[in-house]
N, C-alpha and C. Protein backbone atom coordinates (compact mmCIF):
# COMPACT_ATOMS: atom_id res chain seq x y z
N MET A 1 -26.24 9.47 -17.21
CA MET A 1 -26.09 9.20 -18.77
C MET A 1 -27.40 7.61 -18.85
N ASN A 2 -28.10 8.49 -19.94
CA ASN A 2 -29.48 7.14 -19.62
C ASN A 2 -29.15 6.43 -20.90
N ARG A 3 -29.88 5.54 -20.63
CA ARG A 3 -29.74 4.16 -21.54
C ARG A 3 -29.31 4.61 -22.61
N THR A 4 -29.76 5.32 -24.07
CA THR A 4 -29.98 5.74 -25.23
C THR A 4 -28.10 6.32 -25.62
N LEU A 5 -27.36 7.23 -24.61
CA LEU A 5 -26.48 7.67 -24.55
C LEU A 5 -25.62 6.74 -24.79
N LYS A 6 -26.01 5.71 -23.73
CA LYS A 6 -24.88 4.63 -23.11
C LYS A 6 -24.72 3.65 -24.93
N ALA A 7 -26.36 3.46 -25.72
CA ALA A 7 -26.19 2.46 -26.76
C ALA A 7 -25.19 3.04 -27.18
N LEU A 8 -25.52 4.62 -28.34
CA LEU A 8 -24.99 5.39 -29.03
C LEU A 8 -23.59 5.12 -28.36
N LEU A 9 -23.20 5.57 -27.61
CA LEU A 9 -21.59 6.03 -27.55
C LEU A 9 -20.88 4.12 -27.44
N LEU A 10 -21.37 3.16 -26.97
CA LEU A 10 -21.20 1.84 -27.25
C LEU A 10 -20.78 1.50 -28.69
N LEU A 11 -22.12 1.89 -29.46
CA LEU A 11 -22.20 1.36 -31.00
C LEU A 11 -21.28 2.38 -31.49
N SER A 12 -21.10 3.59 -31.07
CA SER A 12 -19.57 4.05 -32.28
C SER A 12 -18.14 3.63 -31.84
N GLY A 13 -18.23 3.40 -30.26
CA GLY A 13 -16.90 2.31 -30.36
C GLY A 13 -16.71 1.46 -30.83
N VAL A 14 -17.48 0.46 -30.87
CA VAL A 14 -16.99 -0.67 -31.17
C VAL A 14 -17.12 -0.57 -32.82
N VAL A 15 -17.68 0.16 -33.45
CA VAL A 15 -17.21 0.85 -35.01
C VAL A 15 -15.52 0.94 -35.26
N VAL A 16 -15.33 1.91 -34.58
CA VAL A 16 -13.96 2.80 -33.95
C VAL A 16 -13.05 1.43 -33.62
N LEU A 17 -13.19 0.48 -32.79
CA LEU A 17 -12.82 -0.25 -32.24
C LEU A 17 -11.64 -1.55 -33.19
N ILE A 18 -12.71 -2.26 -34.37
CA ILE A 18 -12.91 -2.48 -35.34
C ILE A 18 -11.94 -1.66 -36.58
N ILE A 19 -12.63 -0.79 -37.21
CA ILE A 19 -11.73 -0.48 -37.89
C ILE A 19 -10.29 0.29 -37.17
N TYR A 20 -9.70 0.24 -36.10
CA TYR A 20 -8.63 0.32 -35.75
C TYR A 20 -7.77 -0.37 -35.62
N GLU A 21 -8.32 -1.82 -35.06
CA GLU A 21 -8.33 -3.23 -35.18
C GLU A 21 -7.65 -3.43 -36.33
N LEU A 22 -8.61 -3.78 -37.56
CA LEU A 22 -8.19 -3.54 -38.53
C LEU A 22 -6.94 -2.52 -39.60
N ARG A 23 -6.64 -2.47 -39.15
CA ARG A 23 -5.39 -1.38 -39.02
C ARG A 23 -4.35 -1.22 -38.77
N GLY A 24 -4.17 -2.33 -37.85
CA GLY A 24 -2.83 -2.61 -36.68
C GLY A 24 -2.94 -2.06 -35.56
N ASN A 25 -4.08 -1.13 -34.60
CA ASN A 25 -3.92 -0.33 -33.56
C ASN A 25 -4.78 -0.78 -32.82
N THR A 26 -4.26 -0.25 -31.80
CA THR A 26 -5.33 -0.38 -30.14
C THR A 26 -6.18 0.41 -29.79
N LEU A 27 -7.35 0.39 -29.29
CA LEU A 27 -8.10 1.03 -28.13
C LEU A 27 -8.44 0.86 -27.52
N PHE A 28 -7.88 2.06 -26.50
CA PHE A 28 -7.71 1.74 -24.78
C PHE A 28 -8.53 3.40 -24.35
N ILE A 29 -9.66 2.98 -22.97
CA ILE A 29 -10.29 4.40 -22.56
C ILE A 29 -8.96 4.26 -21.18
N GLN A 30 -8.77 5.69 -21.51
CA GLN A 30 -8.11 6.11 -19.98
C GLN A 30 -9.10 6.67 -19.07
N HIS A 31 -8.42 7.25 -17.68
CA HIS A 31 -9.23 7.71 -16.86
C HIS A 31 -9.09 9.56 -16.86
N ASN A 32 -10.60 9.86 -17.18
CA ASN A 32 -10.38 11.47 -16.94
C ASN A 32 -8.71 11.83 -18.22
N PRO A 33 -8.93 11.27 -19.40
CA PRO A 33 -7.88 11.60 -20.33
C PRO A 33 -8.14 13.09 -20.77
N LEU A 34 -9.62 13.92 -20.15
CA LEU A 34 -9.90 14.94 -21.03
C LEU A 34 -8.74 16.27 -20.22
N LEU A 35 -8.07 16.39 -19.35
CA LEU A 35 -7.58 17.11 -18.08
C LEU A 35 -6.11 17.68 -19.18
N GLY A 36 -5.72 16.88 -19.59
CA GLY A 36 -4.91 17.36 -21.27
C GLY A 36 -5.27 18.28 -21.55
N PHE A 37 -6.72 18.24 -22.68
CA PHE A 37 -7.06 19.13 -23.06
C PHE A 37 -7.82 20.04 -23.03
N GLU A 38 -8.36 20.66 -21.36
CA GLU A 38 -9.45 21.40 -21.02
C GLU A 38 -8.94 22.56 -21.44
N GLY A 39 -9.49 23.32 -21.83
CA GLY A 39 -9.52 24.79 -21.75
C GLY A 39 -10.24 25.55 -23.38
N GLU A 40 -9.66 26.64 -24.08
CA GLU A 40 -9.65 27.47 -25.18
C GLU A 40 -9.08 26.76 -25.49
N TRP A 41 -9.64 26.93 -26.46
CA TRP A 41 -8.41 26.55 -28.33
C TRP A 41 -8.70 27.25 -29.52
N VAL A 42 -7.96 28.10 -30.04
CA VAL A 42 -7.94 29.18 -31.28
C VAL A 42 -7.69 28.57 -32.89
N PHE A 43 -7.80 28.81 -33.50
CA PHE A 43 -7.49 28.74 -35.12
C PHE A 43 -6.08 29.23 -35.45
N GLU A 44 -5.29 28.47 -35.62
CA GLU A 44 -3.73 28.59 -36.01
C GLU A 44 -3.20 28.68 -37.68
N LYS A 45 -3.61 27.13 -37.95
CA LYS A 45 -4.15 26.61 -39.21
C LYS A 45 -4.07 25.99 -39.83
N ALA A 46 -4.75 25.27 -40.80
CA ALA A 46 -5.55 23.61 -40.92
C ALA A 46 -4.19 23.36 -42.20
N GLU A 47 -4.57 22.05 -42.65
CA GLU A 47 -4.08 21.75 -43.58
C GLU A 47 -5.62 20.22 -44.19
N TYR A 48 -5.36 20.28 -45.65
CA TYR A 48 -6.69 19.88 -46.05
C TYR A 48 -5.61 18.43 -46.07
N LEU A 49 -6.29 17.04 -46.03
CA LEU A 49 -5.78 16.10 -46.64
C LEU A 49 -6.74 14.57 -46.78
N GLU A 50 -6.07 14.41 -47.82
CA GLU A 50 -6.68 12.98 -48.52
C GLU A 50 -5.80 11.65 -48.83
N ARG A 51 -6.02 10.65 -49.05
CA ARG A 51 -5.79 9.31 -48.68
C ARG A 51 -6.60 8.55 -49.86
N SER A 52 -5.61 7.44 -50.72
CA SER A 52 -6.28 6.52 -51.70
C SER A 52 -7.45 6.12 -51.10
N SER A 53 -6.44 5.31 -50.39
CA SER A 53 -8.48 3.90 -49.67
C SER A 53 -8.44 4.60 -47.69
N PRO A 54 -9.07 3.90 -46.55
CA PRO A 54 -9.13 4.20 -45.86
C PRO A 54 -8.16 3.89 -44.73
N ALA A 55 -7.76 2.74 -45.78
CA ALA A 55 -6.14 1.75 -45.48
C ALA A 55 -5.55 2.09 -44.80
N SER A 56 -5.01 3.78 -45.92
CA SER A 56 -3.75 4.21 -46.19
C SER A 56 -3.16 5.53 -45.41
N ASP A 57 -2.28 5.84 -45.77
CA ASP A 57 -2.16 6.76 -44.70
C ASP A 57 -3.00 8.70 -46.06
N TYR A 58 -2.99 9.57 -45.43
CA TYR A 58 -2.97 10.82 -45.15
C TYR A 58 -2.12 11.64 -45.26
N GLN A 59 -2.58 12.71 -46.99
CA GLN A 59 -0.99 13.09 -47.75
C GLN A 59 -1.26 14.99 -47.59
N VAL A 60 -0.87 15.55 -47.34
CA VAL A 60 -1.46 17.21 -47.41
C VAL A 60 -1.91 17.35 -48.98
N LYS A 61 -2.97 18.40 -49.29
CA LYS A 61 -3.51 18.40 -50.75
C LYS A 61 -2.77 19.50 -50.78
N TYR A 62 -2.78 20.76 -49.64
CA TYR A 62 -2.73 21.86 -49.28
C TYR A 62 -3.64 21.97 -47.66
N GLU A 63 -2.35 23.70 -47.82
CA GLU A 63 -2.36 24.53 -46.19
C GLU A 63 -3.30 25.46 -46.18
N ILE A 64 -4.03 25.42 -45.05
CA ILE A 64 -5.18 26.77 -45.11
C ILE A 64 -4.26 27.58 -43.80
N SER A 65 -4.22 29.13 -44.56
CA SER A 65 -3.51 30.12 -43.13
C SER A 65 -4.52 30.81 -42.29
N ASN A 66 -6.00 30.68 -42.79
CA ASN A 66 -7.09 31.43 -41.96
C ASN A 66 -7.73 30.89 -41.19
N ALA A 67 -9.22 30.75 -40.70
CA ALA A 67 -10.19 30.30 -40.66
C ALA A 67 -11.14 30.70 -41.40
N GLU A 68 -10.79 31.64 -41.90
CA GLU A 68 -12.58 31.60 -43.05
C GLU A 68 -11.62 31.00 -44.11
N GLY A 69 -10.51 30.40 -44.39
CA GLY A 69 -9.75 29.25 -45.18
C GLY A 69 -11.13 28.36 -44.98
N LEU A 70 -11.88 27.86 -43.86
CA LEU A 70 -12.41 26.56 -43.72
C LEU A 70 -13.73 26.48 -44.40
N GLU A 71 -13.93 28.00 -44.79
CA GLU A 71 -15.49 28.20 -45.31
C GLU A 71 -14.90 27.55 -47.14
N GLY A 72 -13.91 27.42 -47.61
CA GLY A 72 -13.99 26.45 -48.81
C GLY A 72 -13.64 25.02 -49.37
N LEU A 73 -14.05 25.09 -47.99
CA LEU A 73 -14.02 22.99 -47.79
C LEU A 73 -14.85 22.30 -48.58
N PRO A 74 -14.93 21.35 -49.23
CA PRO A 74 -16.24 20.45 -49.39
C PRO A 74 -17.30 20.13 -47.91
N GLY A 75 -18.36 21.01 -48.30
CA GLY A 75 -19.36 20.39 -47.75
C GLY A 75 -19.01 19.47 -46.71
N CYS A 76 -18.52 17.89 -47.04
CA CYS A 76 -18.66 17.23 -46.03
C CYS A 76 -17.39 17.04 -44.95
N LEU A 77 -16.74 18.63 -44.69
CA LEU A 77 -16.02 19.06 -44.07
C LEU A 77 -16.25 20.08 -43.17
N GLN A 78 -17.68 20.54 -43.27
CA GLN A 78 -17.91 21.42 -42.79
C GLN A 78 -17.84 21.40 -41.26
N GLN A 79 -17.62 20.72 -40.29
CA GLN A 79 -17.73 20.67 -39.05
C GLN A 79 -16.44 20.59 -38.68
N ALA A 80 -15.46 21.03 -39.19
CA ALA A 80 -13.76 21.69 -39.09
C ALA A 80 -14.12 22.71 -38.34
N ALA A 81 -12.66 21.97 -36.61
CA ALA A 81 -12.66 23.30 -36.01
C ALA A 81 -12.04 24.38 -36.25
N LYS A 82 -12.80 25.83 -35.89
CA LYS A 82 -12.28 27.24 -35.77
C LYS A 82 -11.66 27.41 -34.16
N SER A 83 -12.22 27.29 -33.51
CA SER A 83 -12.09 26.77 -32.44
C SER A 83 -12.71 25.81 -31.43
N ILE A 84 -12.29 25.39 -30.00
CA ILE A 84 -12.78 24.27 -29.60
C ILE A 84 -12.82 25.07 -28.06
N SER A 85 -14.15 25.18 -26.89
CA SER A 85 -13.42 24.97 -25.70
C SER A 85 -13.70 23.30 -25.08
N ILE A 86 -12.86 23.34 -24.23
CA ILE A 86 -12.98 21.32 -23.69
C ILE A 86 -12.96 21.21 -22.44
N ARG A 87 -14.50 20.98 -21.70
CA ARG A 87 -14.57 20.36 -20.87
C ARG A 87 -15.52 19.38 -20.57
N ASP A 88 -15.82 19.12 -19.24
CA ASP A 88 -17.03 18.18 -19.55
C ASP A 88 -18.38 18.71 -20.70
N VAL A 89 -18.20 19.70 -20.71
CA VAL A 89 -19.36 20.05 -22.02
C VAL A 89 -18.37 20.80 -23.08
N ALA A 90 -18.32 20.24 -24.11
CA ALA A 90 -17.27 20.77 -25.15
C ALA A 90 -18.35 22.03 -26.28
N GLN A 91 -17.74 23.17 -26.73
CA GLN A 91 -18.48 23.81 -27.67
C GLN A 91 -17.63 24.05 -28.81
N VAL A 92 -17.47 22.98 -30.08
CA VAL A 92 -17.30 23.66 -31.52
C VAL A 92 -17.65 24.97 -32.03
N GLU A 93 -16.42 25.33 -32.49
CA GLU A 93 -17.25 26.82 -33.34
C GLU A 93 -16.70 25.96 -34.58
N CYS A 94 -17.32 26.01 -35.82
CA CYS A 94 -17.27 25.33 -36.73
C CYS A 94 -17.67 26.69 -38.13
N PRO A 95 -17.27 26.44 -39.35
CA PRO A 95 -17.57 27.36 -40.45
C PRO A 95 -18.66 28.36 -40.33
N TYR A 96 -19.48 27.24 -39.83
CA TYR A 96 -21.04 28.11 -40.72
C TYR A 96 -21.47 27.88 -39.34
N THR A 97 -21.88 26.95 -38.22
CA THR A 97 -21.82 26.82 -36.86
C THR A 97 -21.39 26.79 -35.78
N SER A 98 -22.20 26.95 -34.69
CA SER A 98 -21.35 26.09 -33.54
C SER A 98 -22.15 24.82 -32.38
N TYR A 99 -21.41 23.95 -32.45
CA TYR A 99 -21.70 22.82 -31.55
C TYR A 99 -21.87 22.12 -30.35
N CYS A 100 -22.22 22.23 -29.46
CA CYS A 100 -22.17 22.05 -27.84
C CYS A 100 -22.86 20.28 -27.65
N GLY A 101 -21.76 19.86 -27.19
CA GLY A 101 -22.09 18.40 -26.31
C GLY A 101 -20.89 17.82 -25.24
N ARG A 102 -21.78 17.01 -24.68
CA ARG A 102 -20.89 16.11 -23.55
C ARG A 102 -20.06 15.66 -24.42
N ALA A 103 -19.12 15.93 -23.71
CA ALA A 103 -17.12 15.57 -24.11
C ALA A 103 -17.07 14.28 -23.69
N PHE A 104 -16.59 13.47 -24.37
CA PHE A 104 -16.03 11.52 -24.13
C PHE A 104 -15.20 11.60 -24.93
N LEU A 105 -13.73 11.14 -24.60
CA LEU A 105 -12.42 10.87 -25.29
C LEU A 105 -11.46 9.31 -24.79
N ALA A 106 -11.56 9.60 -26.31
CA ALA A 106 -10.75 7.75 -25.52
C ALA A 106 -9.76 7.72 -26.24
N ALA A 107 -8.70 7.44 -25.57
CA ALA A 107 -7.13 7.38 -26.04
C ALA A 107 -6.85 5.88 -27.55
N LEU A 108 -6.28 6.39 -28.77
CA LEU A 108 -5.96 5.58 -29.53
C LEU A 108 -4.60 5.20 -29.17
N ASN A 109 -3.80 3.49 -29.56
CA ASN A 109 -2.47 3.41 -29.07
C ASN A 109 -2.38 3.14 -30.49
N ASP A 110 -1.72 4.41 -31.63
CA ASP A 110 -0.85 4.67 -32.49
C ASP A 110 -0.29 4.81 -32.79
N PRO A 111 0.74 3.54 -33.45
CA PRO A 111 2.42 3.61 -34.04
C PRO A 111 2.97 5.14 -34.16
N LYS A 112 2.12 5.82 -34.80
CA LYS A 112 2.82 7.33 -34.87
C LYS A 112 2.46 8.31 -33.50
N GLY A 113 2.00 7.72 -32.39
CA GLY A 113 2.24 8.62 -31.11
C GLY A 113 0.70 8.69 -31.04
N ASP A 114 0.33 8.58 -29.72
CA ASP A 114 -0.50 8.67 -28.61
C ASP A 114 -1.69 10.53 -29.78
N LYS A 115 -3.03 9.61 -30.18
CA LYS A 115 -3.92 9.99 -30.06
C LYS A 115 -5.44 9.14 -30.05
N TYR A 116 -6.44 10.56 -29.87
CA TYR A 116 -7.13 10.41 -28.70
C TYR A 116 -8.84 10.73 -29.86
N LEU A 117 -9.62 10.12 -29.64
CA LEU A 117 -11.21 9.99 -30.63
C LEU A 117 -12.01 10.44 -29.01
N LEU A 118 -11.95 12.23 -30.00
CA LEU A 118 -12.71 13.30 -29.33
C LEU A 118 -14.79 12.53 -29.57
N THR A 119 -15.33 12.36 -28.89
CA THR A 119 -16.64 12.42 -29.07
C THR A 119 -17.86 13.67 -28.89
N ILE A 120 -18.05 14.56 -28.88
CA ILE A 120 -18.84 15.19 -28.58
C ILE A 120 -20.41 14.97 -28.61
N GLY A 121 -21.30 15.13 -28.35
CA GLY A 121 -22.83 15.07 -28.48
C GLY A 121 -23.90 14.21 -27.04
N CYS A 122 -25.12 14.70 -26.62
CA CYS A 122 -26.04 14.06 -25.80
C CYS A 122 -26.62 13.12 -25.97
N ASP A 123 -27.30 13.12 -25.27
CA ASP A 123 -28.58 11.78 -25.81
C ASP A 123 -29.73 12.32 -26.75
N PHE A 124 -30.09 11.88 -26.98
CA PHE A 124 -31.03 12.30 -28.00
C PHE A 124 -32.68 13.36 -27.00
N GLU A 125 -33.09 13.24 -26.07
CA GLU A 125 -33.74 13.54 -25.47
C GLU A 125 -33.09 15.37 -24.65
N GLU A 126 -32.20 14.82 -24.13
CA GLU A 126 -31.61 16.08 -23.81
C GLU A 126 -31.12 17.76 -24.82
N MET A 127 -31.30 17.15 -26.68
CA MET A 127 -31.39 17.62 -27.53
C MET A 127 -32.19 19.05 -27.31
N GLY A 128 -31.29 20.24 -27.31
CA GLY A 128 -32.35 21.77 -27.45
C GLY A 128 -32.50 22.11 -25.98
N ARG A 129 -31.77 21.24 -25.08
CA ARG A 129 -32.06 21.86 -23.82
C ARG A 129 -30.70 22.55 -22.87
N GLU A 130 -30.63 23.39 -21.92
CA GLU A 130 -29.31 24.35 -22.12
C GLU A 130 -28.33 23.15 -21.50
N SER A 131 -27.50 23.40 -21.60
CA SER A 131 -26.10 22.57 -20.82
C SER A 131 -25.61 23.59 -19.34
N PRO A 132 -25.01 22.65 -19.14
CA PRO A 132 -24.12 23.20 -17.31
C PRO A 132 -24.32 24.49 -18.24
N ILE A 133 -23.94 24.77 -19.08
CA ILE A 133 -22.85 25.99 -18.97
C ILE A 133 -24.01 26.67 -18.96
N PRO A 134 -24.19 28.15 -18.49
CA PRO A 134 -25.49 28.48 -19.23
C PRO A 134 -25.24 29.81 -20.61
N GLY A 135 -26.34 29.29 -21.05
CA GLY A 135 -26.20 29.99 -22.89
C GLY A 135 -26.09 29.14 -23.63
N LEU A 136 -25.68 28.06 -23.45
CA LEU A 136 -25.28 26.76 -24.52
C LEU A 136 -25.95 25.71 -24.17
N PHE A 137 -27.14 25.40 -25.34
CA PHE A 137 -27.95 24.53 -25.65
C PHE A 137 -27.74 23.68 -25.85
N PHE A 138 -27.20 22.17 -25.45
CA PHE A 138 -26.93 20.99 -26.83
C PHE A 138 -27.85 20.86 -27.95
N ASN A 139 -26.88 20.72 -28.52
CA ASN A 139 -27.58 20.49 -30.65
C ASN A 139 -26.76 19.19 -31.25
N ILE A 140 -26.09 18.49 -30.69
CA ILE A 140 -25.15 17.21 -31.53
C ILE A 140 -25.19 15.98 -30.64
N VAL A 141 -25.65 15.09 -31.67
CA VAL A 141 -25.51 13.84 -31.39
C VAL A 141 -24.06 12.74 -31.89
N GLY A 142 -23.04 12.42 -30.66
CA GLY A 142 -21.82 12.33 -31.76
C GLY A 142 -20.88 12.56 -33.10
N LEU A 143 -21.04 13.62 -32.56
CA LEU A 143 -19.56 14.38 -33.60
C LEU A 143 -18.20 14.14 -33.06
N GLU A 144 -17.78 13.57 -33.91
CA GLU A 144 -16.26 12.87 -33.52
C GLU A 144 -15.75 13.07 -34.21
N TYR A 145 -14.43 13.84 -33.69
CA TYR A 145 -12.91 14.28 -34.19
C TYR A 145 -11.49 13.31 -33.82
N ARG A 146 -10.41 13.31 -34.33
CA ARG A 146 -9.25 12.38 -33.42
C ARG A 146 -8.58 14.14 -33.14
N LEU A 147 -7.78 13.87 -32.17
CA LEU A 147 -6.97 15.06 -31.18
C LEU A 147 -5.90 14.18 -30.84
N GLU A 148 -4.85 15.25 -31.11
CA GLU A 148 -3.40 14.84 -30.91
C GLU A 148 -3.16 16.34 -29.99
N LYS A 149 -1.82 16.31 -28.70
CA LYS A 149 -1.41 17.42 -28.41
C LYS A 149 0.50 17.82 -28.94
N ILE A 150 -0.04 18.16 -29.68
CA ILE A 150 1.39 18.51 -30.65
C ILE A 150 2.54 19.28 -29.20
N SER A 151 1.76 20.26 -28.41
CA SER A 151 3.04 20.84 -27.68
C SER A 151 2.15 21.45 -26.03
N GLU A 152 2.23 21.61 -25.38
CA GLU A 152 1.55 22.88 -24.33
C GLU A 152 0.14 23.78 -24.39
N ASP A 153 0.84 23.90 -25.40
CA ASP A 153 0.59 25.07 -25.86
C ASP A 153 -0.85 25.20 -27.21
N THR A 154 -0.56 23.62 -28.18
CA THR A 154 -0.93 23.39 -29.29
C THR A 154 -1.20 22.09 -29.21
N ILE A 155 -3.43 21.94 -29.55
CA ILE A 155 -3.24 20.49 -30.05
C ILE A 155 -3.60 20.49 -31.67
N ALA A 156 -3.67 19.51 -32.21
CA ALA A 156 -4.65 19.28 -34.13
C ALA A 156 -6.01 18.11 -32.55
N ILE A 157 -6.66 18.48 -33.84
CA ILE A 157 -7.67 18.30 -34.37
C ILE A 157 -8.38 17.80 -35.79
N THR A 158 -8.61 16.96 -36.04
CA THR A 158 -9.05 16.41 -37.66
C THR A 158 -10.43 15.88 -37.28
N LYS A 159 -10.69 16.24 -38.35
CA LYS A 159 -11.76 15.97 -39.09
C LYS A 159 -11.92 15.12 -40.38
N GLU A 160 -12.41 13.52 -40.06
CA GLU A 160 -12.60 13.10 -41.33
C GLU A 160 -13.91 12.84 -42.16
N ALA A 161 -13.80 12.82 -43.39
CA ALA A 161 -14.83 12.39 -43.83
C ALA A 161 -14.45 11.79 -45.48
N THR A 162 -15.71 10.77 -45.58
CA THR A 162 -15.53 10.21 -47.28
C THR A 162 -16.74 11.71 -48.17
N CYS A 163 -16.26 11.93 -49.29
CA CYS A 163 -17.09 13.05 -49.50
C CYS A 163 -17.05 12.30 -51.00
N VAL A 164 -18.00 12.52 -51.69
CA VAL A 164 -18.86 12.00 -53.07
C VAL A 164 -19.28 13.39 -53.63
N ASP A 165 -18.81 13.11 -55.07
CA ASP A 165 -18.83 14.74 -55.80
C ASP A 165 -18.85 13.42 -57.43
N ASN A 166 -20.07 13.85 -57.70
CA ASN A 166 -20.63 12.80 -59.08
C ASN A 166 -20.20 11.33 -58.88
N SER A 167 -20.69 10.89 -58.36
CA SER A 167 -20.06 9.84 -57.54
C SER A 167 -18.80 9.02 -57.00
N VAL A 168 -17.76 10.04 -57.12
CA VAL A 168 -16.18 9.21 -57.07
C VAL A 168 -16.22 10.15 -55.43
N GLU A 169 -15.51 8.85 -54.70
CA GLU A 169 -15.29 8.93 -53.53
C GLU A 169 -14.18 9.33 -53.11
N THR A 170 -14.05 10.31 -51.70
CA THR A 170 -13.08 11.05 -52.01
C THR A 170 -12.26 10.72 -50.33
N HIS A 171 -11.31 10.39 -49.81
CA HIS A 171 -11.22 9.95 -48.08
C HIS A 171 -10.60 11.02 -48.25
N SER A 172 -11.14 12.59 -47.12
CA SER A 172 -10.36 13.70 -46.78
C SER A 172 -10.53 13.74 -45.70
N ALA A 173 -9.62 14.62 -45.45
CA ALA A 173 -9.84 15.28 -43.56
C ALA A 173 -9.40 16.85 -43.64
N VAL A 174 -9.43 17.51 -42.32
CA VAL A 174 -9.04 18.68 -42.39
C VAL A 174 -7.86 18.38 -40.98
N LYS A 175 -7.15 18.88 -41.01
CA LYS A 175 -6.32 19.00 -39.61
C LYS A 175 -6.02 20.34 -39.42
N CYS A 176 -6.58 20.77 -38.09
CA CYS A 176 -6.65 21.74 -37.55
C CYS A 176 -5.62 21.90 -36.09
N PHE A 177 -4.99 22.54 -36.33
CA PHE A 177 -4.29 23.03 -35.54
C PHE A 177 -4.46 24.50 -34.52
N LEU A 178 -4.76 24.11 -33.26
CA LEU A 178 -5.46 25.05 -32.31
C LEU A 178 -4.60 25.62 -31.51
N LYS A 179 -4.63 26.69 -30.84
CA LYS A 179 -3.37 27.24 -30.32
C LYS A 179 -4.23 27.70 -28.99
N LYS A 180 -3.52 27.61 -27.91
CA LYS A 180 -4.41 27.54 -26.35
C LYS A 180 -4.33 29.01 -26.48
C-alpha cells in the first residue's frame, strides 16, 4: 500500500475516532474482521433515517421495500447499497452507479452493539486500473458505510450524509438490509 492511501486512511480514521470519542464510543481495529462479512449480499429492504443533530439518535422516517425505491432518495444518499460483494476488494451496486475498491474494516465498540466502519477505496494512482478481480476497475476513494451483522444471512449497511436543500441541513442516513 503506498503512502497516499495510507495517509488518506489514517486521516479518515482520525476523523472517525474523534467523532466516536465525542459521542462516548470507542474505536478499535480487529485482525481480519472482513471474514464475518465476506460474500455476496443483495437488497432485502431499507429504512430512511433522520436525526436532529450529529449527536442525537436516528429516527426511522419511512421504509423502502425494493431496490428501485432507493432511486427516490435525496442526491446526498445516492451511494446507498443495492448490493455489495465483500472480499479484499469490494464492489457496491448503488442506484445509479457501481463502485469498486479495496475493503478496510474497523470495528466500532458501540453501546448499542458491535458495528463496523467499512471503507472502500483505492489510491489515486490505482484509479481506473483493473482490480485483482478481472473486469472490475478501481473507481472510488474513501467511500464509507456503517456495517453491522444482523444474523448469519443478513447485514445492515448504512450510508450517512448531511443533505442541504435551500440552505437547510438535514442529518440523514439510509440503512439497507442485505441478504446473503
